[in-house]
Every structure is written in C-alpha cells, then in structure tokens.
Amino acid sequence: MSNPLDTLAPAPRTRRPWLPYVGVGLLLALITAGLWPRALPVETAAVTRGPLAIGVEDEGRTRVTQRYTIAAPVSGTLQRIPFKSGAPVVAGQTLLATLATGAPDLLDARALAQAEARLAAARSTESQTEARLASLQATLAQAQADRDRAAALTTQGVLSNQENELATTRALTAAQDERAATFALAVARHEVTQARATLARGLDPAAAPQSLALTAPVSGVVLRVYEESSRPVAAGTPLLEIGDPTDLEIVVEVLSRDAVAIRPGAPVILERWGGPAPLAARVRLVEPAAFTKISALGVEEQRVNVIADLLAPVAERPSLGDAYRVEARVITTELTNALRAPAGALFQLEGRWHAYVANGSRARLREVTPGPSDGLLTAITSGLVENDRVVVYPPDTLTDGKRIRELAR
C-alpha cells in the first residue's frame, strides 16, 4: 500500500545546462550592439546634368547714359531757378535759367579768335554727330531685320535659340546706340546755338544790357540743381544737370584679375536691386585702366569699371533711378549640358580633388576632376557620373568605407 505522502512530494527538477550559455550569449550580444559603430548621418545630393553659368559677382550702380550740364555761357546775375530734382523738361521749350547780363565788352583779337574757334568746333561736332547718327540708324535697321529673320528661322527650327537671342541683343544694343546718338545731336546743336549767341554779343559792343534765356537742350528731367538762388555767376559756372533717367547704364567695379575674363557683349544679371525679378544687361565696355580702391577691411585693391547697357524695358524697372545700387553678375562662361555637383561636396586630399559617394550604406572615397564653378555648383570632368549621390560638406570623422545614414536635402 502506497504512502499518501508520496503523492505530495515535488517532482524532480529537469536540469537545463544550456541556460548559462544563453545568458552569456545575450550579454555578449548586448555588449557588441553597444560597441558597434553607428551609421554617421550625412547630407547627400545628386549629381545632375544641366546648364551652368560662371560669372563675376560684385556691386554696381546705375548711371544715366547721357547727361547734360547747363552752364552759364557768359557772366551775369542768375535769376532764381524754380526747378527741383525730378522736374520734367522739354527740349527747346522749357526755360531753365535766366541770366541778367551787362553791356557786352568788345572782344579783342584773341578773344574773338577763341569765340570763332568755339563756334567752329561746335559746328564740327554737330556734323560728326549727324554722320554718326545716320550710320547708327542704318545699323539699327539691319539689326532689326536680322532679329526678325532669326525669329522666323528659330520658329522653323533652322536656327538655335542662342543665335536668336544674340540677334535680339544686337538689335537692342543698336537701338540704345541710336538713341544715345540722337541725344548727342541735340546737345551738339544746342552748343552751336550758344556759341553763335556768345560770338554775336561780342561783335556788337553797342548792344544794351539784356537777359539771356537758357532753354533745355534735350528732353528729360532735372537730375541736379547746382545753383538755386539768385546771385552773380561767372561764365562757365554749372547751373543744373538734366538727363533721361530711363536711359540707364550699369557701372560695376570688379577686381582687375576678374576683369581679364570679361569681354564686351557678355550678359549681365542684375539682382537685389529692389524689384521682384532680376534685370538683364549686356557689357558694352571694359575700361582699359584700373584704379586703386580701399576695401572695407582696409586692403588696397585694383579695380576696373565694367560698363553694361540695361536691356530690361522701362516697364520692368519704373522706379530705378540714377546712382542706385545693384548686385551684378557678369557671365563669363556658359555651359549648356554640364555634369554638375555641389561645390561643397569637393575637397582636396594630398593635392588632388576628391568626393565621398554614397554606395548603399557606405561612403566611398573617389577622386574627381573639377571644372569651372559658380560657387554653388561645379562642373565635373571625370570621377563622377550622373545620378551619383555625393556627401555634401563631409565631416572630418568620415572615412572611406564608413557606414552612413543619408539625410533628406
């Protein structure tokens, strides 16, 4: 007969000898996971193909292309000038100033010769300006015909868009030159009138004192008034300055080393001038002489004036005036289908250029050959292919083959 207490006795325990090994394995796994190097978070960007414009960026200012300074042709008492800056004037109609002159003095032989020479020089300038205007009018007509022909051929697919843009630019430049010559002719004719009046007064010593009226030689606005109050003035004293504020050019002061790469005809983009969109301009002249300018840091710099014609119509810049500040970018090189990589992805290692390429979860060091750069994008000659993802501004801790984690850009 069995003992009832036997049924209450605990069953013998089953031994599990593998449990210590599992515990040790888990502990080793946790230690390995804790010491395993984490993926380095990096910012990446794709290598793409597209246009790339390389240029020179610097500050510039606007300037009225043709301005005229009204000066006293003879000595006398200036009557008060009622005009303020911005007042509109009409050529040959607006009375700018009045000079109360005394009785003229008889010109001696020397003064008479000088007056006659000034009149002859004024007539010669008038004739030269007339001839130049006729030449520019013919050039303008040809440029406009070329522009229309280029537009038609581009529509038919015979001519490229770039050649069509060049023809349009040549027509705009010719129109600006013709307008400037028209202005210059009006000024030359005014000079002839003034020289003739001065000579006639000197030849008639018996003439009574009279008032000399100075009218506007060209249409535009008053830019600056030099002498506003009534007072005696000598011959040649500047009285006021007039011009057309819609006829503007851009003056950009660039470093002499940058000016070497700029050629007449280069496109210019004007930014941060106060309007909603950039304005187009084109280089007309790179002055041959440089000048010294002290930078904000006190460094002497050799700078060169680059003169550009503003091509944007007046409707796009109605409030832009004389001596306004602009940010100009002069395009020196244009690439139509360049392989482009962010400039921040390239760095030098042992005298050669390299970049880190994201290969899955690893960063691979690759040697590259860079080309021109606009500061943000750099053309790549070799070492990268389109759609490669490169690490932008790689940290110092990044090495070849290191695990990375790409961040969205």
Protein backbone atom coordinates (compact mmCIF):
# COMPACT_ATOMS: atom_id res chain seq x y z
CA MET A 1 0.00 0.00 0.00
CA SER A 2 1.45 3.34 -1.12
CA ASN A 3 2.14 6.14 1.20
CA PRO A 4 -0.24 9.10 0.63
CA LEU A 5 2.56 11.50 1.41
CA ASP A 6 4.40 10.32 -1.71
CA THR A 7 1.80 11.98 -3.90
CA LEU A 8 2.53 15.32 -2.28
CA ALA A 9 6.29 15.23 -2.88
CA PRO A 10 7.63 17.64 -5.61
CA ALA A 11 8.66 16.20 -8.92
CA PRO A 12 12.38 16.16 -9.55
CA ARG A 13 13.65 19.30 -11.47
CA THR A 14 14.80 18.97 -15.08
CA ARG A 15 18.34 20.31 -15.48
CA ARG A 16 18.97 22.90 -18.26
CA PRO A 17 22.73 23.15 -18.72
CA TRP A 18 22.41 25.45 -21.75
CA LEU A 19 20.85 28.35 -19.86
CA PRO A 20 24.19 29.84 -18.68
CA TYR A 21 25.44 29.80 -22.25
CA VAL A 22 22.34 31.62 -23.46
CA GLY A 23 22.80 34.25 -20.80
CA VAL A 24 26.44 34.72 -21.73
CA GLY A 25 25.48 34.97 -25.42
CA LEU A 26 22.83 37.60 -24.73
CA LEU A 27 25.31 39.56 -22.66
CA LEU A 28 27.90 39.42 -25.44
CA ALA A 29 25.27 40.45 -27.99
CA LEU A 30 24.29 43.47 -25.91
CA ILE A 31 27.92 44.46 -25.48
CA THR A 32 28.57 44.05 -29.22
CA ALA A 33 25.47 46.07 -30.09
CA GLY A 34 26.53 48.81 -27.72
CA LEU A 35 30.05 48.96 -29.09
CA TRP A 36 29.07 48.55 -32.74
CA PRO A 37 29.81 51.82 -34.67
CA ARG A 38 26.64 53.70 -35.54
CA ALA A 39 25.93 54.97 -39.04
CA LEU A 40 27.12 58.55 -39.47
CA PRO A 41 24.27 60.90 -40.53
CA VAL A 42 25.35 62.89 -43.61
CA GLU A 43 23.69 65.19 -46.12
CA THR A 44 23.80 63.99 -49.70
CA ALA A 45 22.90 65.46 -53.08
CA ALA A 46 22.60 64.05 -56.57
CA VAL A 47 25.00 64.73 -59.43
CA THR A 48 22.95 66.16 -62.30
CA ARG A 49 23.29 67.44 -65.84
CA GLY A 50 22.17 70.86 -66.99
CA PRO A 51 23.23 74.42 -67.80
CA LEU A 52 25.89 76.13 -65.74
CA ALA A 53 26.72 79.84 -65.88
CA ILE A 54 30.01 81.01 -64.38
CA GLY A 55 30.44 84.69 -63.71
CA VAL A 56 31.86 87.50 -61.63
CA GLU A 57 29.66 88.96 -58.89
CA ASP A 58 30.15 92.44 -57.47
CA GLU A 59 28.31 95.57 -56.51
CA GLY A 60 27.38 98.11 -59.17
CA ARG A 61 25.42 101.30 -59.56
CA THR A 62 23.15 102.77 -62.18
CA ARG A 63 24.09 105.85 -64.16
CA VAL A 64 22.24 107.98 -66.67
CA THR A 65 23.84 107.23 -70.01
CA GLN A 66 23.58 110.72 -71.45
CA ARG A 67 23.56 113.69 -69.09
CA TYR A 68 23.99 117.36 -69.85
CA THR A 69 25.31 120.09 -67.53
CA ILE A 70 23.83 123.52 -68.18
CA ALA A 71 26.49 126.19 -67.56
CA ALA A 72 26.40 129.96 -67.74
CA PRO A 73 27.67 130.92 -71.24
CA VAL A 74 28.52 134.47 -70.09
CA SER A 75 28.94 136.30 -66.83
CA GLY A 76 25.85 137.88 -65.29
CA THR A 77 23.33 137.75 -62.47
CA LEU A 78 21.49 134.48 -62.25
CA GLN A 79 17.77 134.68 -61.55
CA ARG A 80 16.42 132.16 -59.08
CA ILE A 81 15.98 128.71 -60.65
CA PRO A 82 12.49 127.40 -59.81
CA PHE A 83 13.22 123.73 -60.61
CA LYS A 84 13.85 120.84 -58.21
CA SER A 85 15.39 117.45 -58.94
CA GLY A 86 12.93 115.32 -60.88
CA ALA A 87 11.18 118.16 -62.69
CA PRO A 88 10.44 117.27 -66.34
CA VAL A 89 11.87 119.42 -69.15
CA VAL A 90 11.17 119.54 -72.88
CA ALA A 91 13.87 120.23 -75.45
CA GLY A 92 13.75 123.81 -76.80
CA GLN A 93 10.67 124.73 -74.76
CA THR A 94 11.42 124.62 -71.05
CA LEU A 95 13.15 127.75 -69.73
CA LEU A 96 15.81 126.51 -67.33
CA ALA A 97 17.52 129.72 -66.20
CA THR A 98 17.72 133.41 -66.93
CA LEU A 99 20.92 135.47 -66.82
CA ALA A 100 20.76 139.27 -66.49
CA THR A 101 23.87 140.36 -68.36
CA GLY A 102 25.53 143.73 -68.59
CA ALA A 103 26.55 145.52 -71.75
CA PRO A 104 28.89 143.31 -73.75
CA ASP A 105 32.57 144.13 -73.96
CA LEU A 106 34.19 144.43 -77.35
CA LEU A 107 36.20 141.30 -77.99
CA ASP A 108 39.87 141.79 -78.65
CA ALA A 109 41.64 139.80 -81.35
CA ARG A 110 42.49 136.91 -79.06
CA ALA A 111 39.01 136.61 -77.51
CA LEU A 112 37.43 136.95 -80.96
CA ALA A 113 39.60 134.13 -82.30
CA GLN A 114 38.65 131.95 -79.33
CA ALA A 115 34.93 132.61 -79.80
CA GLU A 116 35.16 131.83 -83.51
CA ALA A 117 37.12 128.65 -82.77
CA ARG A 118 34.46 127.52 -80.26
CA LEU A 119 31.75 128.08 -82.85
CA ALA A 120 33.71 126.17 -85.49
CA ALA A 121 34.34 123.30 -83.06
CA ALA A 122 30.65 123.18 -82.16
CA ARG A 123 29.68 123.06 -85.85
CA SER A 124 32.23 120.29 -86.47
CA THR A 125 30.86 118.26 -83.55
CA GLU A 126 27.35 118.75 -84.91
CA SER A 127 28.38 117.47 -88.35
CA GLN A 128 30.19 114.46 -86.87
CA THR A 129 27.21 113.62 -84.69
CA GLU A 130 24.84 113.84 -87.65
CA ALA A 131 27.02 111.45 -89.62
CA ARG A 132 27.28 109.04 -86.69
CA LEU A 133 23.53 109.14 -86.18
CA ALA A 134 22.92 108.30 -89.84
CA SER A 135 25.34 105.37 -89.58
CA LEU A 136 23.70 104.08 -86.41
CA GLN A 137 20.25 104.37 -87.93
CA ALA A 138 21.38 102.14 -90.81
CA THR A 139 22.94 99.70 -88.34
CA LEU A 140 19.72 99.64 -86.33
CA ALA A 141 17.63 98.90 -89.42
CA GLN A 142 19.93 96.00 -90.35
CA ALA A 143 19.94 94.65 -86.78
CA GLN A 144 16.15 94.75 -86.60
CA ALA A 145 15.91 92.92 -89.93
CA ASP A 146 18.37 90.29 -88.67
CA ARG A 147 16.34 89.92 -85.49
CA ASP A 148 13.10 89.36 -87.39
CA ARG A 149 14.82 86.89 -89.73
CA ALA A 150 16.35 84.99 -86.82
CA ALA A 151 12.98 84.79 -85.05
CA ALA A 152 11.39 83.30 -88.17
CA LEU A 153 14.19 80.76 -88.66
CA THR A 154 14.04 79.77 -84.98
CA THR A 155 10.31 79.12 -85.29
CA GLN A 156 11.05 76.85 -88.27
CA GLY A 157 13.72 75.00 -86.28
CA VAL A 158 16.57 76.09 -88.56
CA LEU A 159 18.28 78.41 -86.05
CA SER A 160 19.11 77.73 -82.42
CA ASN A 161 17.59 79.70 -79.55
CA GLN A 162 21.03 81.01 -78.59
CA GLU A 163 21.59 82.56 -82.03
CA ASN A 164 18.12 84.06 -81.88
CA GLU A 165 18.90 85.62 -78.50
CA LEU A 166 22.14 87.06 -79.85
CA ALA A 167 20.29 88.66 -82.77
CA THR A 168 17.74 90.15 -80.37
CA THR A 169 20.52 91.51 -78.18
CA ARG A 170 22.28 93.09 -81.14
CA ALA A 171 19.04 94.84 -82.11
CA LEU A 172 18.55 96.16 -78.57
CA THR A 173 22.13 97.38 -78.41
CA ALA A 174 21.79 99.12 -81.78
CA ALA A 175 18.62 100.82 -80.57
CA GLN A 176 20.43 102.07 -77.47
CA ASP A 177 23.30 103.43 -79.57
CA GLU A 178 20.91 105.18 -81.94
CA ARG A 179 19.07 106.76 -79.03
CA ALA A 180 22.32 107.99 -77.50
CA ALA A 181 23.39 109.50 -80.83
CA THR A 182 20.05 111.33 -81.10
CA PHE A 183 20.62 112.78 -77.65
CA ALA A 184 24.18 113.78 -78.57
CA LEU A 185 22.98 115.54 -81.73
CA ALA A 186 20.50 117.63 -79.74
CA VAL A 187 23.29 118.62 -77.35
CA ALA A 188 25.63 119.49 -80.24
CA ARG A 189 23.02 121.74 -81.85
CA HIS A 190 22.47 123.48 -78.52
CA GLU A 191 26.23 124.08 -78.25
CA VAL A 192 26.23 125.66 -81.72
CA THR A 193 23.39 127.99 -80.72
CA GLN A 194 25.16 129.05 -77.54
CA ALA A 195 28.50 129.62 -79.28
CA ARG A 196 26.84 131.66 -82.03
CA ALA A 197 24.99 133.84 -79.48
CA THR A 198 28.18 134.47 -77.49
CA LEU A 199 30.09 135.49 -80.63
CA ALA A 200 27.28 137.79 -81.81
CA ARG A 201 27.19 139.62 -78.47
CA GLY A 202 30.93 140.17 -78.53
CA LEU A 203 30.79 141.68 -82.02
CA ASP A 204 28.21 144.30 -81.05
CA PRO A 205 29.59 146.47 -78.20
CA ALA A 206 26.72 148.93 -78.54
CA ALA A 207 24.12 146.36 -77.57
CA ALA A 208 22.09 147.21 -74.48
CA PRO A 209 22.10 145.01 -71.38
CA GLN A 210 19.65 142.18 -71.77
CA SER A 211 18.53 138.91 -70.21
CA LEU A 212 19.86 135.68 -71.64
CA ALA A 213 17.41 132.77 -71.58
CA LEU A 214 18.77 129.22 -71.28
CA THR A 215 16.40 126.56 -72.59
CA ALA A 216 16.60 122.79 -72.26
CA PRO A 217 18.78 121.25 -75.00
CA VAL A 218 17.18 117.81 -74.58
CA SER A 219 14.04 116.32 -73.10
CA GLY A 220 14.25 114.55 -69.76
CA VAL A 221 14.21 115.54 -66.10
CA VAL A 222 16.34 117.71 -63.85
CA LEU A 223 18.87 115.46 -62.17
CA ARG A 224 20.64 118.01 -60.00
CA VAL A 225 20.47 121.77 -59.32
CA TYR A 226 23.87 123.32 -58.59
CA GLU A 227 22.87 126.99 -58.28
CA GLU A 228 19.35 127.60 -57.00
CA SER A 229 19.48 131.10 -55.50
CA SER A 230 19.85 134.38 -57.39
CA ARG A 231 23.45 135.57 -57.43
CA PRO A 232 26.20 136.78 -59.77
CA VAL A 233 27.90 133.94 -61.64
CA ALA A 234 30.93 133.81 -63.89
CA ALA A 235 30.98 132.35 -67.37
CA GLY A 236 31.22 128.56 -67.24
CA THR A 237 29.56 128.15 -63.81
CA PRO A 238 27.50 124.91 -63.72
CA LEU A 239 23.85 125.70 -63.04
CA LEU A 240 21.99 122.41 -63.26
CA GLU A 241 22.16 118.94 -64.79
CA ILE A 242 19.49 117.25 -66.89
CA GLY A 243 19.13 113.84 -68.47
CA ASP A 244 16.76 110.96 -69.17
CA PRO A 245 16.53 108.69 -66.07
CA THR A 246 15.01 105.87 -68.11
CA ASP A 247 18.16 105.63 -70.25
CA LEU A 248 20.43 103.92 -67.75
CA GLU A 249 23.72 102.07 -67.85
CA ILE A 250 25.38 99.98 -65.15
CA VAL A 251 28.86 100.61 -63.74
CA VAL A 252 30.35 97.58 -61.96
CA GLU A 253 33.68 97.85 -60.15
CA VAL A 254 35.36 94.42 -60.44
CA LEU A 255 38.82 93.25 -59.41
CA SER A 256 41.38 93.57 -62.18
CA ARG A 257 42.07 89.81 -62.13
CA ASP A 258 38.35 89.19 -62.77
CA ALA A 259 38.10 91.88 -65.45
CA VAL A 260 40.60 89.98 -67.61
CA ALA A 261 37.96 87.29 -68.30
CA ILE A 262 35.17 89.75 -69.18
CA ARG A 263 34.54 90.59 -72.83
CA PRO A 264 32.19 93.15 -74.44
CA GLY A 265 28.86 91.51 -75.19
CA ALA A 266 28.88 89.31 -72.09
CA PRO A 267 25.44 89.01 -70.45
CA VAL A 268 24.86 90.60 -67.06
CA ILE A 269 22.19 89.70 -64.49
CA LEU A 270 21.17 92.40 -62.01
CA GLU A 271 19.84 91.12 -58.69
CA ARG A 272 18.79 92.62 -55.37
CA TRP A 273 18.01 96.00 -56.90
CA GLY A 274 14.64 96.30 -55.18
CA GLY A 275 12.37 94.74 -57.79
CA PRO A 276 10.67 91.33 -57.86
CA ALA A 277 12.76 89.83 -60.66
CA PRO A 278 16.36 90.14 -61.96
CA LEU A 279 17.09 92.54 -64.81
CA ALA A 280 19.07 91.81 -67.96
CA ALA A 281 22.01 93.87 -69.18
CA ARG A 282 24.97 93.41 -71.51
CA VAL A 283 28.59 94.52 -71.23
CA ARG A 284 29.46 97.38 -73.58
CA LEU A 285 32.93 98.33 -72.38
CA VAL A 286 35.66 97.15 -70.02
CA GLU A 287 37.71 100.23 -69.21
CA PRO A 288 41.41 99.73 -70.05
CA ALA A 289 42.73 101.48 -66.93
CA ALA A 290 42.33 100.27 -63.35
CA PHE A 291 42.22 102.35 -60.17
CA THR A 292 43.09 101.71 -56.53
CA LYS A 293 40.30 101.35 -54.01
CA ILE A 294 40.46 100.64 -50.29
CA SER A 295 38.17 97.77 -49.28
CA ALA A 296 36.08 97.66 -46.10
CA LEU A 297 38.89 95.67 -44.47
CA GLY A 298 41.46 98.34 -45.32
CA VAL A 299 43.09 96.36 -48.16
CA GLU A 300 44.20 98.12 -51.33
CA GLU A 301 42.53 96.62 -54.40
CA GLN A 302 42.98 97.26 -58.09
CA ARG A 303 39.56 97.57 -59.64
CA VAL A 304 38.24 98.14 -63.16
CA ASN A 305 34.96 99.73 -64.26
CA VAL A 306 32.80 97.46 -66.40
CA ILE A 307 30.08 99.40 -68.27
CA ALA A 308 26.90 97.50 -69.18
CA ASP A 309 23.78 98.63 -71.06
CA LEU A 310 20.49 97.94 -69.31
CA LEU A 311 18.30 95.86 -71.67
CA ALA A 312 15.22 95.47 -69.49
CA PRO A 313 12.31 97.69 -70.64
CA VAL A 314 11.26 100.64 -68.51
CA ALA A 315 8.02 98.86 -67.54
CA GLU A 316 10.07 96.31 -65.57
CA ARG A 317 12.04 98.99 -63.66
CA PRO A 318 9.82 102.10 -63.37
CA SER A 319 11.34 103.26 -60.07
CA LEU A 320 15.01 102.61 -60.82
CA GLY A 321 16.92 105.88 -60.98
CA ASP A 322 20.38 107.39 -61.24
CA ALA A 323 23.16 106.14 -58.91
CA TYR A 324 21.06 103.31 -57.45
CA ARG A 325 22.87 100.28 -56.01
CA VAL A 326 22.53 96.87 -57.70
CA GLU A 327 24.15 93.44 -57.37
CA ALA A 328 25.60 92.49 -60.77
CA ARG A 329 26.67 89.06 -62.01
CA VAL A 330 28.70 89.21 -65.23
CA ILE A 331 28.56 85.86 -67.06
CA THR A 332 31.99 84.85 -68.37
CA THR A 333 31.38 81.17 -69.25
CA GLU A 334 28.16 79.35 -70.13
CA LEU A 335 27.93 75.54 -70.28
CA THR A 336 24.75 74.07 -71.76
CA ASN A 337 24.99 70.42 -70.66
CA ALA A 338 27.49 70.18 -67.84
CA LEU A 339 27.82 67.39 -65.28
CA ARG A 340 27.21 69.32 -62.05
CA ALA A 341 28.00 68.50 -58.44
CA PRO A 342 27.57 70.68 -55.34
CA ALA A 343 30.70 72.67 -54.71
CA GLY A 344 30.52 71.76 -51.02
CA ALA A 345 30.99 68.06 -51.83
CA LEU A 346 34.51 68.54 -53.21
CA PHE A 347 37.64 68.72 -51.08
CA GLN A 348 41.37 68.37 -51.55
CA LEU A 349 43.33 65.39 -50.26
CA GLU A 350 47.07 65.18 -50.87
CA GLY A 351 46.83 67.87 -53.53
CA ARG A 352 44.04 66.18 -55.50
CA TRP A 353 40.28 66.71 -55.51
CA HIS A 354 38.03 64.03 -54.02
CA ALA A 355 34.41 63.42 -53.08
CA TYR A 356 32.56 60.85 -50.99
CA VAL A 357 29.95 58.89 -52.96
CA ALA A 358 27.10 57.16 -51.13
CA ASN A 359 27.25 53.47 -52.11
CA GLY A 360 24.35 51.88 -50.31
CA SER A 361 25.04 52.36 -46.61
CA ARG A 362 28.76 53.03 -47.14
CA ALA A 363 30.71 56.13 -48.15
CA ARG A 364 33.30 55.53 -50.85
CA LEU A 365 36.14 57.96 -51.47
CA ARG A 366 36.51 58.84 -55.14
CA GLU A 367 39.00 61.08 -56.93
CA VAL A 368 37.40 63.65 -59.26
CA THR A 369 38.50 66.27 -61.77
CA PRO A 370 36.54 69.51 -61.30
CA GLY A 371 35.89 72.16 -63.94
CA PRO A 372 34.51 75.70 -63.71
CA SER A 373 32.33 76.60 -60.73
CA ASP A 374 29.75 79.28 -59.97
CA GLY A 375 30.25 78.92 -56.22
CA LEU A 376 27.26 76.63 -55.71
CA LEU A 377 27.67 74.05 -58.47
CA THR A 378 30.90 72.76 -60.01
CA ALA A 379 31.32 71.15 -63.41
CA ILE A 380 32.84 67.65 -63.17
CA THR A 381 35.17 66.46 -65.93
CA SER A 382 35.79 62.93 -64.59
CA GLY A 383 35.31 60.79 -61.50
CA LEU A 384 31.53 61.03 -61.16
CA VAL A 385 28.53 60.03 -63.25
CA GLU A 386 25.01 61.34 -63.44
CA ASN A 387 22.72 60.38 -60.51
CA ASP A 388 25.63 59.65 -58.18
CA ARG A 389 24.84 60.81 -54.66
CA VAL A 390 27.70 62.69 -53.06
CA VAL A 391 28.17 63.73 -49.44
CA VAL A 392 27.85 67.49 -49.05
CA TYR A 393 30.25 69.10 -46.56
CA PRO A 394 31.65 65.77 -45.32
CA PRO A 395 32.67 65.79 -41.62
CA ASP A 396 36.23 65.10 -40.55
CA THR A 397 35.15 61.80 -38.96
CA LEU A 398 34.03 60.38 -42.32
CA THR A 399 36.44 57.89 -43.87
CA ASP A 400 36.38 55.56 -46.86
CA GLY A 401 34.00 52.65 -46.28
CA LYS A 402 32.35 54.08 -43.17
CA ARG A 403 28.67 53.40 -42.62
CA ILE A 404 26.46 56.43 -43.30
CA ARG A 405 22.82 57.37 -43.00
CA GLU A 406 21.58 59.79 -45.67
CA LEU A 407 19.59 62.80 -44.60
CA ALA A 408 16.98 64.28 -46.91
CA ARG A 409 18.09 67.53 -48.52
